[in-house]
Amino acid sequence: MKYENIKSIILTVLILISIVLTWSLWTFQPNYDTMESSNYVAEISVSEKQELHKIIRPDLALFHIKDRHHGTTNSEDLSQIMKEIKSWSFYDVKNVSDRIDNMNELMHGSGNVEIVFPGEIPIELYRGVLKFEEKKIPSFNFNRIIINVDHVDKENGTVYFVSTESNQVYMSHISTPYINEFNRSHFKNADAFPKYFPYEATSQRTVFIPEGEQELLVYKYLPAVLNAEEFKEALFNDPSFVQKSPVPNGEEYTDVSSKMTIDDESNMLLYVNPTVESKYYASTYELVKRSIDFINEHGGWTDPYRYVAKDEYNHSVTFRLYSLDGFPVFNERGLSEIEEVWGRDEISKYERPNISLELPLLSEMEYTMLPSGSKVLEFLQSRSNFKPELLERITLGYRMERDKDANQVILLAPAWFYLYDQSWGQITDEDLGGLLRGLE
C-alpha cells in the first residue's frame, strides 16, 4: 500500500472518531437528581382570583323613555348589557365638559340609557374591559356611561363617560350598527323593567327611586370561618418570624413591624403595618389597580365583592359585598366590606371579614314586602334637618346581621338605604314610624 493511501485512511478514521465524539457531547444528558429548594414558598390562595369586569361593574341601569323611566339592578340583566358594551370599539374620545349646559338633560334625557357604577373608575384601568381603537386616549375618571339610541347618524353613535363627582364629561363614538342592535336588544324591551320616578334634588342632580312596594328575598347563610394561617402566609413578608398569641375574643399574629388581629366575636380580620411611609401621591388608577391586584394575589374574593369607593386623600379603597340578585349589603361593623389603606410601597391597613357566606339555607329563605320608594322619600323629606342637595341616592339593599333565633346563622334582611352627605344610612319599617338609623 502506498504511503499516500495510508495517510488518507488514517485521516478518514480520525474524522469519523471526531464526529462520534462531537455527537456524544451534544447529546449527553447528566442524570442529576431533582433538588428541592428549602427556601421556596408556595403561592397562598384563600379563594379564587377574579377578573376585572367582575369586580368593577355597574349596579343600576336606567332607561329614559320620554316621560317614563325604567331600571334594573339585577345582576344577570346588567351582565348582559355589559357583555354587549364590551364588544364595541370606541374611538374619537375627547373632553366636552365645557360644552355641557345641562348635566341632567345629558344623562336623563329621552332616548338615553344610563349605566350607573357605585364608584369612580379610572379609564386607564377600565381599558382592560372596554375596547378603544386609539392606543392613547385622555386620562379621566367616570361613574356613568350614557348611551343615546335616538340621535344616531349613518356612521356614528355617541357614548358619554360622565363623572358626577367632578362634572367632567368625555364623549366617544361607536359604529351605528352597535347602537341599533343595543336599541333592539335592550332599549325597546325596557318596559319589562321596574318603574322609577325622578326626584330633583338640585337643578343639576336628579335621584331616581323605584316605584311601588318592593318584594325581596330574605337570605340566610351558615358562614364558614376563613383560615387565619393562610392570611398569615399571604400578608407577612416572612411568615416564619411571625408569633401567634391569644387575645380577648381571638388571636393575634405579629412580627417586628406588622400585626394581624382576628376577632372571633365580630368576625373581622385587621392587618396593620404602621412602619409604612404614608406621605405620597398616587393616581386613582394606581390606587385602585394596586388594591385589586393585592386581593387577587392571595385570592381574597371569598364572596361577590365589588369596587365601590376610593379616597385618594387617605389612600384608601373600599369593596362591598353584593347579594346574588345584585343589591348592596351593609353592616354597621364593616362585616360586608373590604377596606385597604396604602402607604408608599406597601399596604398599611387591610380590614375585612374572616368569614364567607358559604352555605345558603334555601329552605329557610322567604320573601318579604318593603314599603314604596315614595314613602321612603316622604320620610326623608319630613326630617327637620333634611337638605335635598345632600341626597345622592336611594336604593334597595340588604342589612347583614346575626339571626336572633340562631346566632351562628347570618341573615341578609332587605331594607331601604340612602346615600346622604357622602355617608350611607338605613331606613326600616320601624324607621318610617320613628327613629332614623345611620350606618356610618
Protein backbone atom coordinates (compact mmCIF):
# COMPACT_ATOMS: atom_id res chain seq x y z
CA MET A 1 0.00 0.00 0.00
CA LYS A 2 1.34 3.39 -0.92
CA TYR A 3 2.20 5.94 1.74
CA GLU A 4 -0.39 8.42 0.44
CA ASN A 5 -3.17 5.82 0.68
CA ILE A 6 -2.24 5.03 4.29
CA LYS A 7 -2.39 8.74 5.19
CA SER A 8 -5.85 9.03 3.62
CA ILE A 9 -7.18 6.04 5.60
CA ILE A 10 -5.79 7.36 8.90
CA LEU A 11 -7.26 10.83 8.23
CA THR A 12 -10.67 9.33 7.44
CA VAL A 13 -10.65 7.30 10.69
CA LEU A 14 -9.73 10.37 12.74
CA ILE A 15 -12.52 12.37 11.14
CA LEU A 16 -15.04 9.59 11.95
CA ILE A 17 -13.84 9.42 15.56
CA SER A 18 -14.16 13.20 15.86
CA ILE A 19 -17.72 13.11 14.56
CA VAL A 20 -18.69 10.36 17.04
CA LEU A 21 -17.17 12.23 20.00
CA THR A 22 -18.84 15.51 18.99
CA TRP A 23 -22.23 13.80 18.69
CA SER A 24 -21.75 12.22 22.13
CA LEU A 25 -21.02 15.60 23.69
CA TRP A 26 -24.06 17.22 22.08
CA THR A 27 -26.47 14.50 23.14
CA PHE A 28 -25.09 13.84 26.63
CA GLN A 29 -27.60 14.38 29.47
CA PRO A 30 -26.31 14.06 33.04
CA ASN A 31 -28.55 12.07 35.37
CA TYR A 32 -28.90 14.63 38.20
CA ASP A 33 -31.43 14.00 40.97
CA THR A 34 -34.11 16.71 41.36
CA MET A 35 -33.09 19.22 44.03
CA GLU A 36 -35.68 20.61 46.42
CA SER A 37 -35.29 24.25 47.40
CA SER A 38 -35.76 24.70 51.13
CA ASN A 39 -36.44 28.44 50.61
CA TYR A 40 -39.36 28.02 48.20
CA VAL A 41 -42.69 29.37 49.46
CA ALA A 42 -45.86 28.18 47.70
CA GLU A 43 -48.34 30.78 46.50
CA ILE A 44 -51.15 31.23 49.03
CA SER A 45 -54.70 31.50 47.69
CA VAL A 46 -57.56 31.80 50.17
CA SER A 47 -60.11 31.68 47.35
CA GLU A 48 -60.17 32.29 43.59
CA LYS A 49 -58.83 35.28 41.70
CA GLN A 50 -61.38 37.46 39.91
CA GLU A 51 -61.35 39.16 36.53
CA LEU A 52 -61.58 42.94 36.45
CA HIS A 53 -65.06 43.09 34.94
CA LYS A 54 -66.47 41.08 37.87
CA ILE A 55 -65.03 43.48 40.45
CA ILE A 56 -65.71 46.78 38.68
CA ARG A 57 -69.28 46.58 37.47
CA PRO A 58 -72.44 48.71 37.43
CA ASP A 59 -75.23 48.20 39.95
CA LEU A 60 -78.00 50.06 38.09
CA ALA A 61 -79.15 50.67 34.52
CA LEU A 62 -81.77 53.34 33.85
CA PHE A 63 -83.75 53.64 30.62
CA HIS A 64 -85.25 57.09 29.97
CA ILE A 65 -88.20 56.87 27.57
CA LYS A 66 -89.90 60.26 27.09
CA ASP A 67 -91.59 60.91 30.45
CA ARG A 68 -91.15 57.33 31.68
CA HIS A 69 -88.18 55.78 33.46
CA HIS A 70 -87.40 52.11 33.92
CA GLY A 71 -84.43 50.49 35.60
CA THR A 72 -82.80 47.27 36.70
CA THR A 73 -80.33 46.28 39.39
CA ASN A 74 -80.49 42.59 38.51
CA SER A 75 -77.02 41.09 38.16
CA GLU A 76 -77.93 38.97 35.15
CA ASP A 77 -79.57 41.89 33.31
CA LEU A 78 -76.54 44.11 33.90
CA SER A 79 -74.15 41.35 32.84
CA GLN A 80 -75.98 41.01 29.53
CA ILE A 81 -75.89 44.78 28.97
CA MET A 82 -72.16 44.98 29.77
CA LYS A 83 -71.40 41.94 27.63
CA GLU A 84 -72.74 43.82 24.62
CA ILE A 85 -70.94 47.06 25.52
CA LYS A 86 -67.65 45.18 25.92
CA SER A 87 -67.91 44.05 22.29
CA TRP A 88 -67.97 47.65 20.97
CA SER A 89 -64.99 49.59 19.61
CA PHE A 90 -64.81 53.14 20.99
CA TYR A 91 -62.98 55.91 19.14
CA ASP A 92 -62.53 59.69 18.97
CA VAL A 93 -62.54 60.21 22.76
CA LYS A 94 -62.50 63.88 23.79
CA ASN A 95 -63.31 66.15 26.72
CA VAL A 96 -66.60 68.03 26.10
CA SER A 97 -67.23 69.22 29.67
CA ASP A 98 -67.25 72.89 28.67
CA ARG A 99 -69.97 72.22 26.06
CA ILE A 100 -72.49 70.74 28.51
CA ASP A 101 -75.07 73.28 29.67
CA ASN A 102 -77.41 70.87 31.44
CA MET A 103 -75.97 67.74 33.05
CA ASN A 104 -79.45 66.47 33.91
CA GLU A 105 -80.56 66.58 30.30
CA LEU A 106 -77.38 64.90 29.12
CA MET A 107 -77.83 61.93 31.45
CA HIS A 108 -81.60 61.61 31.82
CA GLY A 109 -82.94 62.92 28.50
CA SER A 110 -85.32 60.77 26.48
CA GLY A 111 -83.59 58.08 24.47
CA ASN A 112 -80.73 57.71 26.94
CA VAL A 113 -79.55 54.62 28.76
CA GLU A 114 -77.68 55.41 31.97
CA ILE A 115 -75.26 52.78 33.26
CA VAL A 116 -74.50 53.64 36.91
CA PHE A 117 -71.37 52.47 38.75
CA PRO A 118 -71.11 52.73 42.57
CA GLY A 119 -67.64 54.31 42.49
CA GLU A 120 -65.45 56.44 40.23
CA ILE A 121 -63.41 54.40 37.77
CA PRO A 122 -60.13 55.42 36.11
CA ILE A 123 -60.44 54.86 32.37
CA GLU A 124 -56.82 53.63 32.24
CA LEU A 125 -57.89 50.66 34.37
CA TYR A 126 -61.20 50.05 32.57
CA ARG A 127 -59.40 49.79 29.25
CA GLY A 128 -58.93 46.20 30.36
CA VAL A 129 -62.71 45.76 29.98
CA LEU A 130 -63.66 48.08 27.08
CA LYS A 131 -62.02 48.30 23.65
CA PHE A 132 -60.64 51.60 22.33
CA GLU A 133 -59.30 51.93 18.81
CA GLU A 134 -56.72 54.59 19.69
CA LYS A 135 -53.66 53.46 21.63
CA LYS A 136 -53.64 56.73 23.56
CA ILE A 137 -56.77 58.36 24.99
CA PRO A 138 -57.26 61.16 27.56
CA SER A 139 -56.94 60.28 31.24
CA PHE A 140 -60.20 60.66 33.20
CA ASN A 141 -62.48 59.11 35.83
CA PHE A 142 -66.15 58.24 35.36
CA ASN A 143 -69.09 56.68 37.21
CA ARG A 144 -71.70 56.79 34.44
CA ILE A 145 -71.83 55.54 30.86
CA ILE A 146 -74.53 57.31 28.84
CA ILE A 147 -75.74 55.71 25.60
CA ASN A 148 -78.09 57.63 23.33
CA VAL A 149 -80.19 55.50 20.98
CA ASP A 150 -82.12 58.36 19.34
CA HIS A 151 -79.52 60.73 17.86
CA VAL A 152 -77.68 58.38 15.54
CA ASP A 153 -76.42 59.19 12.05
CA LYS A 154 -75.45 56.79 9.28
CA GLU A 155 -71.93 56.27 10.60
CA ASN A 156 -71.67 57.18 14.28
CA GLY A 157 -73.41 56.70 17.58
CA THR A 158 -72.45 58.66 20.70
CA VAL A 159 -71.46 57.33 24.12
CA TYR A 160 -70.59 59.61 27.06
CA PHE A 161 -68.41 58.85 30.07
CA VAL A 162 -69.57 61.07 32.94
CA SER A 163 -68.21 61.83 36.40
CA THR A 164 -70.96 63.20 38.64
CA GLU A 165 -68.32 63.93 41.29
CA SER A 166 -66.21 66.28 39.16
CA ASN A 167 -68.86 67.16 36.49
CA GLN A 168 -66.49 66.01 33.78
CA VAL A 169 -67.87 64.63 30.51
CA TYR A 170 -65.94 62.74 27.84
CA MET A 171 -67.58 61.92 24.54
CA SER A 172 -66.73 58.95 22.34
CA HIS A 173 -68.14 57.38 19.20
CA ILE A 174 -69.06 53.87 18.16
CA SER A 175 -70.35 52.49 14.88
CA THR A 176 -74.08 52.96 14.24
CA PRO A 177 -74.83 49.20 13.97
CA TYR A 178 -73.77 48.79 17.60
CA ILE A 179 -76.33 51.39 18.72
CA ASN A 180 -79.07 49.92 16.54
CA GLU A 181 -78.51 46.44 17.95
CA PHE A 182 -78.44 47.80 21.52
CA ASN A 183 -81.73 49.58 20.83
CA ARG A 184 -83.34 46.35 19.60
CA SER A 185 -81.99 44.07 22.31
CA HIS A 186 -82.30 46.33 25.37
CA PHE A 187 -83.89 49.76 24.99
CA LYS A 188 -87.05 48.62 23.21
CA ASN A 189 -87.61 45.98 25.90
CA ALA A 190 -87.08 48.37 28.82
CA ASP A 191 -90.81 48.43 29.68
CA ALA A 192 -90.30 45.00 31.23
CA PHE A 193 -88.05 46.51 33.90
CA PRO A 194 -89.41 48.09 37.13
CA LYS A 195 -90.59 51.71 37.03
CA TYR A 196 -88.56 54.51 38.63
CA PHE A 197 -89.67 58.04 39.46
CA PRO A 198 -87.43 61.14 39.48
CA TYR A 199 -86.72 63.39 42.45
CA GLU A 200 -84.95 66.63 41.59
CA ALA A 201 -82.52 67.09 44.46
CA THR A 202 -80.88 70.08 42.77
CA SER A 203 -81.02 71.70 39.36
CA GLN A 204 -78.00 69.62 38.40
CA ARG A 205 -78.85 66.31 40.07
CA THR A 206 -81.91 64.06 39.85
CA VAL A 207 -82.28 60.98 42.04
CA PHE A 208 -84.25 58.06 40.56
CA ILE A 209 -86.19 55.89 43.02
CA PRO A 210 -88.05 52.58 42.44
CA GLU A 211 -91.83 52.97 42.39
CA GLY A 212 -94.31 50.94 44.40
CA GLU A 213 -93.86 48.39 47.15
CA GLN A 214 -90.89 46.06 46.75
CA GLU A 215 -90.78 42.31 47.34
CA LEU A 216 -87.32 40.94 48.15
CA LEU A 217 -85.95 37.65 49.37
CA VAL A 218 -84.60 37.28 52.92
CA TYR A 219 -81.32 35.34 52.72
CA LYS A 220 -79.92 33.04 55.40
CA TYR A 221 -76.40 31.59 55.34
CA LEU A 222 -74.34 29.32 57.51
CA PRO A 223 -70.95 31.09 57.33
CA ALA A 224 -67.55 29.43 57.01
CA VAL A 225 -64.64 30.79 59.07
CA LEU A 226 -61.63 31.59 56.89
CA ASN A 227 -58.23 30.08 57.65
CA ALA A 228 -56.16 32.63 59.60
CA GLU A 229 -52.94 30.73 58.86
CA GLU A 230 -53.47 31.27 55.12
CA PHE A 231 -53.79 35.02 55.67
CA LYS A 232 -50.64 34.94 57.82
CA GLU A 233 -48.74 33.26 54.99
CA ALA A 234 -50.13 35.75 52.46
CA LEU A 235 -49.81 39.04 54.35
CA PHE A 236 -46.49 38.86 56.22
CA ASN A 237 -43.19 39.26 54.38
CA ASP A 238 -41.60 36.35 56.23
CA PRO A 239 -44.24 34.14 57.93
CA SER A 240 -41.53 32.08 59.68
CA PHE A 241 -40.82 35.04 62.00
CA VAL A 242 -44.49 35.62 62.90
CA GLN A 243 -45.52 34.98 66.51
CA LYS A 244 -49.06 33.88 67.38
CA SER A 245 -50.65 34.72 70.72
CA PRO A 246 -54.17 34.65 72.22
CA VAL A 247 -56.05 37.91 72.84
CA PRO A 248 -59.57 38.56 74.16
CA ASN A 249 -62.14 37.23 71.63
CA GLY A 250 -59.50 35.93 69.24
CA GLU A 251 -55.83 35.74 68.37
CA GLU A 252 -53.01 37.99 67.26
CA TYR A 253 -50.12 37.48 64.81
CA THR A 254 -47.09 39.79 64.99
CA ASP A 255 -43.61 40.29 63.58
CA VAL A 256 -41.17 43.19 64.06
CA SER A 257 -43.32 45.66 62.07
CA SER A 258 -46.81 44.25 61.42
CA LYS A 259 -49.78 42.87 63.30
CA MET A 260 -52.80 40.83 62.25
CA THR A 261 -55.74 40.51 64.66
CA ILE A 262 -58.57 38.00 64.31
CA ASP A 263 -61.69 38.93 66.28
CA ASP A 264 -63.91 35.85 66.61
CA GLU A 265 -66.76 37.87 68.11
CA SER A 266 -67.05 40.43 65.30
CA ASN A 267 -65.66 38.02 62.67
CA MET A 268 -63.27 40.70 61.44
CA LEU A 269 -59.63 40.48 60.37
CA LEU A 270 -57.39 43.54 60.77
CA TYR A 271 -53.83 43.73 59.42
CA VAL A 272 -51.76 46.85 60.08
CA ASN A 273 -48.20 47.87 59.23
CA PRO A 274 -47.59 51.26 60.91
CA THR A 275 -43.99 51.47 59.68
CA VAL A 276 -45.05 52.04 56.05
CA GLU A 277 -44.40 55.57 54.78
CA SER A 278 -47.79 57.23 54.28
CA LYS A 279 -46.91 60.55 52.63
CA TYR A 280 -47.03 60.00 48.90
CA TYR A 281 -49.20 60.74 45.88
CA ALA A 282 -50.86 58.02 43.84
CA SER A 283 -53.24 58.47 40.92
CA THR A 284 -56.70 56.92 41.03
CA TYR A 285 -55.50 54.34 38.53
CA GLU A 286 -52.52 53.31 40.67
CA LEU A 287 -54.58 53.24 43.85
CA VAL A 288 -57.47 51.14 42.53
CA LYS A 289 -55.30 48.80 40.44
CA ARG A 290 -52.93 48.17 43.34
CA SER A 291 -55.89 47.39 45.63
CA ILE A 292 -57.44 44.88 43.21
CA ASP A 293 -54.09 43.23 42.50
CA PHE A 294 -53.38 42.91 46.21
CA ILE A 295 -56.55 40.90 46.88
CA ASN A 296 -56.08 38.84 43.72
CA GLU A 297 -52.58 37.88 44.85
CA HIS A 298 -53.98 35.93 47.79
CA GLY A 299 -57.42 35.09 46.35
CA GLY A 300 -59.24 37.26 48.85
CA TRP A 301 -62.54 37.43 46.92
CA THR A 302 -64.28 34.97 49.23
CA ASP A 303 -67.73 36.36 48.34
CA PRO A 304 -69.11 38.52 45.46
CA TYR A 305 -67.40 41.82 46.39
CA ARG A 306 -67.40 44.85 44.09
CA TYR A 307 -65.37 48.04 43.96
CA VAL A 308 -67.50 50.86 45.40
CA ALA A 309 -65.30 53.75 46.57
CA LYS A 310 -61.84 55.29 46.69
CA ASP A 311 -60.37 58.09 48.76
CA GLU A 312 -57.23 59.49 47.19
CA TYR A 313 -56.52 61.80 50.14
CA ASN A 314 -56.45 58.89 52.60
CA HIS A 315 -55.10 56.39 50.03
CA SER A 316 -57.99 54.01 50.69
CA VAL A 317 -60.22 51.77 48.54
CA THR A 318 -63.43 50.00 49.58
CA PHE A 319 -65.08 46.88 48.17
CA ARG A 320 -68.62 45.92 49.19
CA LEU A 321 -70.45 42.62 49.27
CA TYR A 322 -73.43 42.31 46.91
CA SER A 323 -76.29 39.84 47.09
CA LEU A 324 -76.77 37.23 44.38
CA ASP A 325 -79.53 39.31 42.80
CA GLY A 326 -77.38 42.46 42.68
CA PHE A 327 -78.19 44.55 45.76
CA PRO A 328 -75.52 46.12 48.03
CA VAL A 329 -75.07 44.63 51.51
CA PHE A 330 -74.43 46.87 54.55
CA ASN A 331 -73.27 46.22 58.09
CA GLU A 332 -72.50 48.85 60.72
CA ARG A 333 -69.38 46.95 61.92
CA GLY A 334 -67.87 46.59 58.45
CA LEU A 335 -68.73 42.90 58.07
CA SER A 336 -69.81 43.41 54.44
CA GLU A 337 -66.76 45.40 53.31
CA ILE A 338 -63.10 45.03 52.47
CA GLU A 339 -61.05 48.17 53.08
CA GLU A 340 -57.44 48.81 52.09
CA VAL A 341 -55.23 51.75 53.07
CA TRP A 342 -51.93 52.13 51.23
CA GLY A 343 -48.52 53.53 52.05
CA ARG A 344 -45.83 54.31 49.52
CA ASP A 345 -44.75 50.77 48.69
CA GLU A 346 -46.86 48.51 50.89
CA ILE A 347 -50.29 48.19 52.36
CA SER A 348 -50.59 49.84 55.77
CA LYS A 349 -54.10 48.64 56.70
CA TYR A 350 -56.23 45.75 55.49
CA GLU A 351 -59.59 45.17 57.17
CA ARG A 352 -62.11 42.56 56.08
CA PRO A 353 -64.45 39.80 57.27
CA ASN A 354 -62.84 36.50 58.23
CA ILE A 355 -65.98 34.59 57.22
CA SER A 356 -67.60 33.77 53.89
CA LEU A 357 -71.26 33.09 53.13
CA GLU A 358 -70.58 29.55 52.06
CA LEU A 359 -73.78 27.58 52.70
CA PRO A 360 -77.18 29.15 51.80
CA LEU A 361 -80.08 27.80 53.87
CA LEU A 362 -82.51 27.60 50.96
CA SER A 363 -85.35 26.01 52.93
CA GLU A 364 -85.40 28.95 55.38
CA MET A 365 -85.45 31.75 52.81
CA GLU A 366 -88.66 33.66 52.21
CA TYR A 367 -89.93 36.84 50.58
CA THR A 368 -90.85 40.00 52.44
CA MET A 369 -92.55 43.21 51.33
CA LEU A 370 -90.94 46.64 51.73
CA PRO A 371 -92.75 49.99 51.62
CA SER A 372 -92.70 52.02 48.41
CA GLY A 373 -89.93 54.36 47.37
CA SER A 374 -92.30 57.32 47.58
CA LYS A 375 -92.89 56.61 51.29
CA VAL A 376 -89.16 56.48 51.86
CA LEU A 377 -88.72 59.84 50.16
CA GLU A 378 -91.59 61.35 52.17
CA PHE A 379 -89.93 60.15 55.37
CA LEU A 380 -86.59 61.73 54.48
CA GLN A 381 -88.27 65.00 53.49
CA SER A 382 -90.13 65.08 56.81
CA ARG A 383 -86.87 65.26 58.77
CA SER A 384 -86.33 68.75 60.13
CA ASN A 385 -82.67 68.87 59.14
CA PHE A 386 -83.07 67.27 55.69
CA LYS A 387 -81.21 69.10 52.90
CA PRO A 388 -82.13 67.88 49.38
CA GLU A 389 -78.80 68.95 47.92
CA LEU A 390 -77.00 66.39 50.14
CA LEU A 391 -79.09 63.44 48.93
CA GLU A 392 -77.21 61.43 46.32
CA ARG A 393 -79.04 58.13 46.05
CA ILE A 394 -81.89 55.98 47.41
CA THR A 395 -81.64 52.24 46.81
CA LEU A 396 -82.83 48.86 47.94
CA GLY A 397 -80.24 46.72 49.69
CA TYR A 398 -79.57 44.25 52.47
CA ARG A 399 -78.66 44.61 56.13
CA MET A 400 -76.27 41.89 57.32
CA GLU A 401 -76.79 40.69 60.88
CA ARG A 402 -76.83 37.62 63.11
CA ASP A 403 -80.08 35.70 63.14
CA LYS A 404 -81.75 36.34 66.53
CA ASP A 405 -83.11 32.79 66.61
CA ALA A 406 -79.86 31.10 65.54
CA ASN A 407 -76.70 33.04 66.38
CA GLN A 408 -74.48 31.01 64.03
CA VAL A 409 -76.63 31.97 61.04
CA ILE A 410 -76.02 35.15 59.00
CA LEU A 411 -79.17 36.97 57.93
CA LEU A 412 -79.41 39.32 54.95
CA ALA A 413 -82.56 41.35 55.58
CA PRO A 414 -83.95 43.66 52.86
CA ALA A 415 -84.16 47.38 53.64
CA TRP A 416 -84.05 50.82 52.06
CA PHE A 417 -80.73 52.68 52.08
CA TYR A 418 -79.80 56.22 51.14
CA LEU A 419 -76.52 58.00 50.38
CA TYR A 420 -76.60 61.37 52.11
CA ASP A 421 -73.68 63.76 52.60
CA GLN A 422 -71.30 61.01 51.37
CA SER A 423 -72.45 58.52 54.04
CA TRP A 424 -74.89 55.63 53.83
CA GLY A 425 -77.93 55.47 56.09
CA GLN A 426 -80.68 52.88 56.51
CA ILE A 427 -84.46 53.10 56.69
CA THR A 428 -86.55 50.22 58.05
CA ASP A 429 -90.27 49.75 58.64
CA GLU A 430 -89.72 50.91 62.23
CA ASP A 431 -87.84 53.99 61.00
CA LEU A 432 -90.85 55.09 58.98
CA GLY A 433 -92.63 55.41 62.29
CA GLY A 434 -89.83 56.91 64.31
CA LEU A 435 -86.07 56.76 64.68
CA LEU A 436 -83.69 57.01 61.71
CA ARG A 437 -80.54 54.89 61.96
CA GLY A 438 -77.29 55.85 60.28
CA LEU A 439 -74.66 53.35 59.18
CA GLU A 440 -71.54 55.46 59.12
